[in-house]
Amino acid sequence: LSYNCSFLPKIDRKVLELHGNGYTIQRISNYLRDNFEYPLNKKGRKGKPYSVFYVHSKLKYLKLLILIYAKTNCLESVKISWQSM
């Protein structure tokens, strides 16, 4: 799914790819911190970017897209579902 869904943001595709390769949530978090720019907030951010909670939240809705793709085998239905999230 991470290779075929060109409509997903680059970071979401990478999270899907790493999860599919068996990376833990902590390893995915560390990878994102090392390889992706984090957008700044006007109020300023406390703590490290791309926390474990962030990755867990991303995976929660990306897994729903995986289930939709597994049931329908149609990227168009995945795209519609992703746009409605």
PDB file of N, CA and C in Angstrom:
ATOM      1  N   LEU A   1       0.828  -1.190   0.000  1.00  0.00           N
ATOM      2  CA  LEU A   1       0.000   0.000   0.000  1.00  0.00           C
ATOM      3  C   LEU A   1       0.868   1.248   0.000  1.00  0.00           C
ATOM      4  N   SER A   2       2.004   1.214   0.703  1.00  0.00           N
ATOM      5  CA  SER A   2       2.851   2.410   0.778  1.00  0.00           C
ATOM      6  C   SER A   2       3.483   2.743  -0.570  1.00  0.00           C
ATOM      7  N   TYR A   3       3.659   1.750  -1.431  1.00  0.00           N
ATOM      8  CA  TYR A   3       4.261   2.004  -2.740  1.00  0.00           C
ATOM      9  C   TYR A   3       3.241   2.479  -3.770  1.00  0.00           C
ATOM     10  N   ASN A   4       1.976   2.107  -3.606  1.00  0.00           N
ATOM     11  CA  ASN A   4       0.955   2.396  -4.609  1.00  0.00           C
ATOM     12  C   ASN A   4       0.139   3.655  -4.327  1.00  0.00           C
ATOM     13  N   CYS A   5       0.097   4.100  -3.081  1.00  0.00           N
ATOM     14  CA  CYS A   5      -0.738   5.250  -2.711  1.00  0.00           C
ATOM     15  C   CYS A   5       0.054   6.543  -2.847  1.00  0.00           C
ATOM     16  N   SER A   6       0.084   7.063  -4.040  1.00  0.00           N
ATOM     17  CA  SER A   6       0.830   8.303  -4.277  1.00  0.00           C
ATOM     18  C   SER A   6       0.113   9.519  -3.691  1.00  0.00           C
ATOM     19  N   PHE A   7      -1.167   9.379  -3.319  1.00  0.00           N
ATOM     20  CA  PHE A   7      -1.914  10.499  -2.757  1.00  0.00           C
ATOM     21  C   PHE A   7      -1.609  10.705  -1.272  1.00  0.00           C
ATOM     22  N   LEU A   8      -0.996   9.716  -0.620  1.00  0.00           N
ATOM     23  CA  LEU A   8      -0.632   9.871   0.787  1.00  0.00           C
ATOM     24  C   LEU A   8       0.601  10.749   0.917  1.00  0.00           C
ATOM     25  N   PRO A   9       0.697  11.509   2.008  1.00  0.00           N
ATOM     26  CA  PRO A   9       1.914  12.290   2.225  1.00  0.00           C
ATOM     27  C   PRO A   9       3.134  11.381   2.375  1.00  0.00           C
ATOM     28  N   LYS A  10       4.283  11.924   2.085  1.00  0.00           N
ATOM     29  CA  LYS A  10       5.524  11.141   2.105  1.00  0.00           C
ATOM     30  C   LYS A  10       5.768  10.512   3.470  1.00  0.00           C
ATOM     31  N   ILE A  11       5.480  11.235   4.531  1.00  0.00           N
ATOM     32  CA  ILE A  11       5.733  10.711   5.871  1.00  0.00           C
ATOM     33  C   ILE A  11       4.808   9.543   6.192  1.00  0.00           C
ATOM     34  N   ASP A  12       3.553   9.599   5.738  1.00  0.00           N
ATOM     35  CA  ASP A  12       2.622   8.491   5.964  1.00  0.00           C
ATOM     36  C   ASP A  12       3.063   7.243   5.206  1.00  0.00           C
ATOM     37  N   ARG A  13       3.514   7.429   3.984  1.00  0.00           N
ATOM     38  CA  ARG A  13       4.002   6.283   3.209  1.00  0.00           C
ATOM     39  C   ARG A  13       5.218   5.653   3.882  1.00  0.00           C
ATOM     40  N   LYS A  14       6.091   6.484   4.454  1.00  0.00           N
ATOM     41  CA  LYS A  14       7.282   5.968   5.116  1.00  0.00           C
ATOM     42  C   LYS A  14       6.911   5.214   6.386  1.00  0.00           C
ATOM     43  N   VAL A  15       5.949   5.732   7.140  1.00  0.00           N
ATOM     44  CA  VAL A  15       5.489   5.031   8.341  1.00  0.00           C
ATOM     45  C   VAL A  15       4.911   3.674   7.971  1.00  0.00           C
ATOM     46  N   LEU A  16       4.117   3.629   6.912  1.00  0.00           N
ATOM     47  CA  LEU A  16       3.559   2.351   6.453  1.00  0.00           C
ATOM     48  C   LEU A  16       4.661   1.389   6.026  1.00  0.00           C
ATOM     49  N   GLU A  17       5.630   1.883   5.297  1.00  0.00           N
ATOM     50  CA  GLU A  17       6.728   1.038   4.825  1.00  0.00           C
ATOM     51  C   GLU A  17       7.525   0.476   5.999  1.00  0.00           C
ATOM     52  N   LEU A  18       7.878   1.329   6.945  1.00  0.00           N
ATOM     53  CA  LEU A  18       8.670   0.875   8.088  1.00  0.00           C
ATOM     54  C   LEU A  18       7.886  -0.106   8.954  1.00  0.00           C
ATOM     55  N   HIS A  19       6.597   0.165   9.143  1.00  0.00           N
ATOM     56  CA  HIS A  19       5.760  -0.752   9.917  1.00  0.00           C
ATOM     57  C   HIS A  19       5.651  -2.111   9.211  1.00  0.00           C
ATOM     58  N   GLY A  20       5.526  -2.069   7.898  1.00  0.00           N
ATOM     59  CA  GLY A  20       5.462  -3.302   7.132  1.00  0.00           C
ATOM     60  C   GLY A  20       6.756  -4.092   7.165  1.00  0.00           C
ATOM     61  N   ASN A  21       7.877  -3.399   7.372  1.00  0.00           N
ATOM     62  CA  ASN A  21       9.175  -4.072   7.477  1.00  0.00           C
ATOM     63  C   ASN A  21       9.459  -4.558   8.886  1.00  0.00           C
ATOM     64  N   GLY A  22       8.514  -4.374   9.812  1.00  0.00           N
ATOM     65  CA  GLY A  22       8.656  -4.914  11.150  1.00  0.00           C
ATOM     66  C   GLY A  22       9.281  -3.979  12.166  1.00  0.00           C
ATOM     67  N   TYR A  23       9.399  -2.705  11.847  1.00  0.00           N
ATOM     68  CA  TYR A  23       9.947  -1.741  12.802  1.00  0.00           C
ATOM     69  C   TYR A  23       8.965  -1.540  13.946  1.00  0.00           C
ATOM     70  N   THR A  24       9.481  -1.356  15.149  1.00  0.00           N
ATOM     71  CA  THR A  24       8.629  -1.034  16.295  1.00  0.00           C
ATOM     72  C   THR A  24       8.260   0.447  16.222  1.00  0.00           C
ATOM     73  N   ILE A  25       7.305   0.836  17.035  1.00  0.00           N
ATOM     74  CA  ILE A  25       6.875   2.229  17.051  1.00  0.00           C
ATOM     75  C   ILE A  25       8.024   3.138  17.473  1.00  0.00           C
ATOM     76  N   GLN A  26       8.820   2.688  18.434  1.00  0.00           N
ATOM     77  CA  GLN A  26       9.955   3.486  18.891  1.00  0.00           C
ATOM     78  C   GLN A  26      10.993   3.662  17.786  1.00  0.00           C
ATOM     79  N   ARG A  27      11.275   2.602  17.031  1.00  0.00           N
ATOM     80  CA  ARG A  27      12.250   2.702  15.941  1.00  0.00           C
ATOM     81  C   ARG A  27      11.737   3.611  14.834  1.00  0.00           C
ATOM     82  N   ILE A  28      10.439   3.557  14.557  1.00  0.00           N
ATOM     83  CA  ILE A  28       9.862   4.439  13.548  1.00  0.00           C
ATOM     84  C   ILE A  28       9.984   5.893  14.010  1.00  0.00           C
ATOM     85  N   SER A  29       9.700   6.136  15.286  1.00  0.00           N
ATOM     86  CA  SER A  29       9.819   7.477  15.852  1.00  0.00           C
ATOM     87  C   SER A  29      11.246   7.997  15.719  1.00  0.00           C
ATOM     88  N   ASN A  30      12.208   7.172  16.056  1.00  0.00           N
ATOM     89  CA  ASN A  30      13.615   7.575  15.940  1.00  0.00           C
ATOM     90  C   ASN A  30      13.997   7.845  14.491  1.00  0.00           C
ATOM     91  N   TYR A  31      13.507   7.026  13.562  1.00  0.00           N
ATOM     92  CA  TYR A  31      13.800   7.218  12.140  1.00  0.00           C
ATOM     93  C   TYR A  31      13.238   8.550  11.650  1.00  0.00           C
ATOM     94  N   LEU A  32      12.008   8.849  12.027  1.00  0.00           N
ATOM     95  CA  LEU A  32      11.385  10.105  11.592  1.00  0.00           C
ATOM     96  C   LEU A  32      12.134  11.313  12.142  1.00  0.00           C
ATOM     97  N   ARG A  33      12.577  11.228  13.384  1.00  0.00           N
ATOM     98  CA  ARG A  33      13.335  12.333  13.980  1.00  0.00           C
ATOM     99  C   ARG A  33      14.642  12.576  13.242  1.00  0.00           C
ATOM    100  N   ASP A  34      15.258  11.504  12.780  1.00  0.00           N
ATOM    101  CA  ASP A  34      16.544  11.624  12.096  1.00  0.00           C
ATOM    102  C   ASP A  34      16.413  12.077  10.649  1.00  0.00           C
ATOM    103  N   ASN A  35      15.308  11.726   9.983  1.00  0.00           N
ATOM    104  CA  ASN A  35      15.233  11.901   8.537  1.00  0.00           C
ATOM    105  C   ASN A  35      14.183  12.877   8.025  1.00  0.00           C
ATOM    106  N   PHE A  36      13.318  13.408   8.882  1.00  0.00           N
ATOM    107  CA  PHE A  36      12.261  14.305   8.424  1.00  0.00           C
ATOM    108  C   PHE A  36      12.326  15.625   9.168  1.00  0.00           C
ATOM    109  N   GLU A  37      12.139  16.730   8.430  1.00  0.00           N
ATOM    110  CA  GLU A  37      12.031  18.065   9.023  1.00  0.00           C
ATOM    111  C   GLU A  37      10.719  18.140   9.767  1.00  0.00           C
ATOM    112  N   TYR A  38      10.740  18.759  10.915  1.00  0.00           N
ATOM    113  CA  TYR A  38       9.518  18.918  11.685  1.00  0.00           C
ATOM    114  C   TYR A  38       9.030  20.349  11.543  1.00  0.00           C
ATOM    115  N   PRO A  39       7.783  20.581  11.118  1.00  0.00           N
ATOM    116  CA  PRO A  39       7.281  21.953  10.961  1.00  0.00           C
ATOM    117  C   PRO A  39       7.154  22.636  12.317  1.00  0.00           C
ATOM    118  N   LEU A  40       7.518  23.893  12.360  1.00  0.00           N
ATOM    119  CA  LEU A  40       7.467  24.648  13.607  1.00  0.00           C
ATOM    120  C   LEU A  40       6.068  25.178  13.865  1.00  0.00           C
ATOM    121  N   ASN A  41       5.720  25.234  15.099  1.00  0.00           N
ATOM    122  CA  ASN A  41       4.454  25.788  15.534  1.00  0.00           C
ATOM    123  C   ASN A  41       4.687  27.247  15.937  1.00  0.00           C
ATOM    124  N   LYS A  42       3.733  28.122  15.711  1.00  0.00           N
ATOM    125  CA  LYS A  42       3.906  29.533  16.068  1.00  0.00           C
ATOM    126  C   LYS A  42       4.093  29.719  17.571  1.00  0.00           C
ATOM    127  N   LYS A  43       3.462  28.870  18.344  1.00  0.00           N
ATOM    128  CA  LYS A  43       3.569  28.974  19.796  1.00  0.00           C
ATOM    129  C   LYS A  43       4.835  28.300  20.325  1.00  0.00           C
ATOM    130  N   GLY A  44       5.519  27.584  19.474  1.00  0.00           N
ATOM    131  CA  GLY A  44       6.703  26.848  19.924  1.00  0.00           C
ATOM    132  C   GLY A  44       6.308  25.475  20.427  1.00  0.00           C
ATOM    133  N   ARG A  45       7.183  24.528  20.269  1.00  0.00           N
ATOM    134  CA  ARG A  45       6.896  23.166  20.686  1.00  0.00           C
ATOM    135  C   ARG A  45       7.818  22.767  21.827  1.00  0.00           C
ATOM    136  N   LYS A  46       7.272  22.002  22.729  1.00  0.00           N
ATOM    137  CA  LYS A  46       8.066  21.447  23.805  1.00  0.00           C
ATOM    138  C   LYS A  46       8.245  19.960  23.533  1.00  0.00           C
ATOM    139  N   GLY A  47       9.355  19.425  23.923  1.00  0.00           N
ATOM    140  CA  GLY A  47       9.597  18.006  23.719  1.00  0.00           C
ATOM    141  C   GLY A  47      10.174  17.722  22.344  1.00  0.00           C
ATOM    142  N   LYS A  48      10.390  16.459  22.094  1.00  0.00           N
ATOM    143  CA  LYS A  48      10.982  16.043  20.826  1.00  0.00           C
ATOM    144  C   LYS A  48       9.897  15.871  19.763  1.00  0.00           C
ATOM    145  N   PRO A  49      10.241  16.138  18.508  1.00  0.00           N
ATOM    146  CA  PRO A  49       9.266  15.933  17.432  1.00  0.00           C
ATOM    147  C   PRO A  49       9.069  14.453  17.145  1.00  0.00           C
ATOM    148  N   TYR A  50       7.959  14.126  16.512  1.00  0.00           N
ATOM    149  CA  TYR A  50       7.635  12.762  16.095  1.00  0.00           C
ATOM    150  C   TYR A  50       7.741  11.786  17.267  1.00  0.00           C
ATOM    151  N   SER A  51       6.940  12.030  18.274  1.00  0.00           N
ATOM    152  CA  SER A  51       6.940  11.189  19.465  1.00  0.00           C
ATOM    153  C   SER A  51       6.350   9.822  19.157  1.00  0.00           C
ATOM    154  N   VAL A  52       6.458   8.927  20.129  1.00  0.00           N
ATOM    155  CA  VAL A  52       5.875   7.597  20.002  1.00  0.00           C
ATOM    156  C   VAL A  52       4.358   7.713  19.874  1.00  0.00           C
ATOM    157  N   PHE A  53       3.766   8.656  20.600  1.00  0.00           N
ATOM    158  CA  PHE A  53       2.322   8.866  20.511  1.00  0.00           C
ATOM    159  C   PHE A  53       1.923   9.314  19.107  1.00  0.00           C
ATOM    160  N   TYR A  54       2.727  10.181  18.495  1.00  0.00           N
ATOM    161  CA  TYR A  54       2.469  10.644  17.132  1.00  0.00           C
ATOM    162  C   TYR A  54       2.454   9.460  16.164  1.00  0.00           C
ATOM    163  N   VAL A  55       3.465   8.608  16.270  1.00  0.00           N
ATOM    164  CA  VAL A  55       3.560   7.444  15.377  1.00  0.00           C
ATOM    165  C   VAL A  55       2.395   6.496  15.632  1.00  0.00           C
ATOM    166  N   HIS A  56       2.052   6.284  16.897  1.00  0.00           N
ATOM    167  CA  HIS A  56       0.938   5.399  17.234  1.00  0.00           C
ATOM    168  C   HIS A  56      -0.370   5.929  16.635  1.00  0.00           C
ATOM    169  N   SER A  57      -0.580   7.230  16.735  1.00  0.00           N
ATOM    170  CA  SER A  57      -1.794   7.837  16.174  1.00  0.00           C
ATOM    171  C   SER A  57      -1.837   7.702  14.655  1.00  0.00           C
ATOM    172  N   LYS A  58      -0.697   7.925  14.007  1.00  0.00           N
ATOM    173  CA  LYS A  58      -0.622   7.760  12.545  1.00  0.00           C
ATOM    174  C   LYS A  58      -0.953   6.330  12.157  1.00  0.00           C
ATOM    175  N   LEU A  59      -0.341   5.376  12.857  1.00  0.00           N
ATOM    176  CA  LEU A  59      -0.554   3.969  12.518  1.00  0.00           C
ATOM    177  C   LEU A  59      -1.999   3.540  12.734  1.00  0.00           C
ATOM    178  N   LYS A  60      -2.663   4.149  13.692  1.00  0.00           N
ATOM    179  CA  LYS A  60      -4.036   3.771  13.979  1.00  0.00           C
ATOM    180  C   LYS A  60      -4.933   4.021  12.774  1.00  0.00           C
ATOM    181  N   TYR A  61      -4.796   5.207  12.153  1.00  0.00           N
ATOM    182  CA  TYR A  61      -5.665   5.454  10.996  1.00  0.00           C
ATOM    183  C   TYR A  61      -5.093   4.856   9.713  1.00  0.00           C
ATOM    184  N   LEU A  62      -3.793   4.670   9.633  1.00  0.00           N
ATOM    185  CA  LEU A  62      -3.232   4.017   8.446  1.00  0.00           C
ATOM    186  C   LEU A  62      -3.603   2.531   8.400  1.00  0.00           C
ATOM    187  N   LYS A  63      -3.741   1.910   9.561  1.00  0.00           N
ATOM    188  CA  LYS A  63      -4.169   0.511   9.596  1.00  0.00           C
ATOM    189  C   LYS A  63      -5.593   0.367   9.083  1.00  0.00           C
ATOM    190  N   LEU A  64      -6.421   1.368   9.318  1.00  0.00           N
ATOM    191  CA  LEU A  64      -7.778   1.341   8.767  1.00  0.00           C
ATOM    192  C   LEU A  64      -7.733   1.347   7.240  1.00  0.00           C
ATOM    193  N   LEU A  65      -6.811   2.140   6.690  1.00  0.00           N
ATOM    194  CA  LEU A  65      -6.667   2.159   5.230  1.00  0.00           C
ATOM    195  C   LEU A  65      -6.180   0.817   4.709  1.00  0.00           C
ATOM    196  N   ILE A  66      -5.304   0.163   5.460  1.00  0.00           N
ATOM    197  CA  ILE A  66      -4.821  -1.165   5.068  1.00  0.00           C
ATOM    198  C   ILE A  66      -5.985  -2.146   5.034  1.00  0.00           C
ATOM    199  N   LEU A  67      -6.852  -2.094   6.046  1.00  0.00           N
ATOM    200  CA  LEU A  67      -8.009  -2.994   6.083  1.00  0.00           C
ATOM    201  C   LEU A  67      -8.959  -2.731   4.921  1.00  0.00           C
ATOM    202  N   ILE A  68      -9.178  -1.472   4.604  1.00  0.00           N
ATOM    203  CA  ILE A  68     -10.048  -1.139   3.470  1.00  0.00           C
ATOM    204  C   ILE A  68      -9.455  -1.666   2.178  1.00  0.00           C
ATOM    205  N   TYR A  69      -8.153  -1.504   2.020  1.00  0.00           N
ATOM    206  CA  TYR A  69      -7.492  -1.999   0.800  1.00  0.00           C
ATOM    207  C   TYR A  69      -7.543  -3.523   0.734  1.00  0.00           C
ATOM    208  N   ALA A  70      -7.400  -4.184   1.874  1.00  0.00           N
ATOM    209  CA  ALA A  70      -7.436  -5.652   1.896  1.00  0.00           C
ATOM    210  C   ALA A  70      -8.820  -6.184   1.518  1.00  0.00           C
ATOM    211  N   LYS A  71      -9.865  -5.467   1.965  1.00  0.00           N
ATOM    212  CA  LYS A  71     -11.220  -5.929   1.673  1.00  0.00           C
ATOM    213  C   LYS A  71     -11.650  -5.628   0.245  1.00  0.00           C
ATOM    214  N   THR A  72     -11.289  -4.426  -0.248  1.00  0.00           N
ATOM    215  CA  THR A  72     -11.788  -4.028  -1.562  1.00  0.00           C
ATOM    216  C   THR A  72     -10.781  -4.219  -2.683  1.00  0.00           C
ATOM    217  N   ASN A  73      -9.498  -4.194  -2.349  1.00  0.00           N
ATOM    218  CA  ASN A  73      -8.414  -4.290  -3.337  1.00  0.00           C
ATOM    219  C   ASN A  73      -8.536  -3.188  -4.396  1.00  0.00           C
ATOM    220  N   CYS A  74      -9.004  -2.029  -3.934  1.00  0.00           N
ATOM    221  CA  CYS A  74      -9.225  -0.897  -4.823  1.00  0.00           C
ATOM    222  C   CYS A  74      -8.618   0.352  -4.205  1.00  0.00           C
ATOM    223  N   LEU A  75      -7.670   0.970  -4.901  1.00  0.00           N
ATOM    224  CA  LEU A  75      -7.024   2.170  -4.379  1.00  0.00           C
ATOM    225  C   LEU A  75      -7.967   3.363  -4.354  1.00  0.00           C
ATOM    226  N   GLU A  76      -8.958   3.379  -5.219  1.00  0.00           N
ATOM    227  CA  GLU A  76      -9.908   4.486  -5.247  1.00  0.00           C
ATOM    228  C   GLU A  76     -10.722   4.552  -3.958  1.00  0.00           C
ATOM    229  N   SER A  77     -11.139   3.397  -3.428  1.00  0.00           N
ATOM    230  CA  SER A  77     -11.881   3.398  -2.167  1.00  0.00           C
ATOM    231  C   SER A  77     -10.989   3.806  -1.000  1.00  0.00           C
ATOM    232  N   VAL A  78      -9.704   3.466  -1.074  1.00  0.00           N
ATOM    233  CA  VAL A  78      -8.747   3.882  -0.044  1.00  0.00           C
ATOM    234  C   VAL A  78      -8.589   5.398  -0.099  1.00  0.00           C
ATOM    235  N   LYS A  79      -8.506   5.949  -1.286  1.00  0.00           N
ATOM    236  CA  LYS A  79      -8.352   7.396  -1.449  1.00  0.00           C
ATOM    237  C   LYS A  79      -9.557   8.149  -0.904  1.00  0.00           C
ATOM    238  N   ILE A  80     -10.736   7.654  -1.192  1.00  0.00           N
ATOM    239  CA  ILE A  80     -11.975   8.273  -0.685  1.00  0.00           C
ATOM    240  C   ILE A  80     -12.018   8.214   0.834  1.00  0.00           C
ATOM    241  N   SER A  81     -11.633   7.076   1.391  1.00  0.00           N
ATOM    242  CA  SER A  81     -11.625   6.930   2.846  1.00  0.00           C
ATOM    243  C   SER A  81     -10.591   7.847   3.478  1.00  0.00           C
ATOM    244  N   TRP A  82      -9.429   7.963   2.867  1.00  0.00           N
ATOM    245  CA  TRP A  82      -8.373   8.827   3.403  1.00  0.00           C
ATOM    246  C   TRP A  82      -8.794  10.292   3.371  1.00  0.00           C
ATOM    247  N   GLN A  83      -9.491  10.701   2.317  1.00  0.00           N
ATOM    248  CA  GLN A  83      -9.941  12.080   2.215  1.00  0.00           C
ATOM    249  C   GLN A  83     -11.014  12.411   3.235  1.00  0.00           C
ATOM    250  N   SER A  84     -11.777  11.415   3.660  1.00  0.00           N
ATOM    251  CA  SER A  84     -12.834  11.657   4.627  1.00  0.00           C
ATOM    252  C   SER A  84     -12.324  11.649   6.069  1.00  0.00           C
ATOM    253  N   MET A  85     -11.082  11.255   6.285  1.00  0.00           N
ATOM    254  CA  MET A  85     -10.521  11.227   7.648  1.00  0.00           C
ATOM    255  C   MET A  85     -10.087  12.581   8.092  1.00  0.00           C
TER     256      MET A  85
END
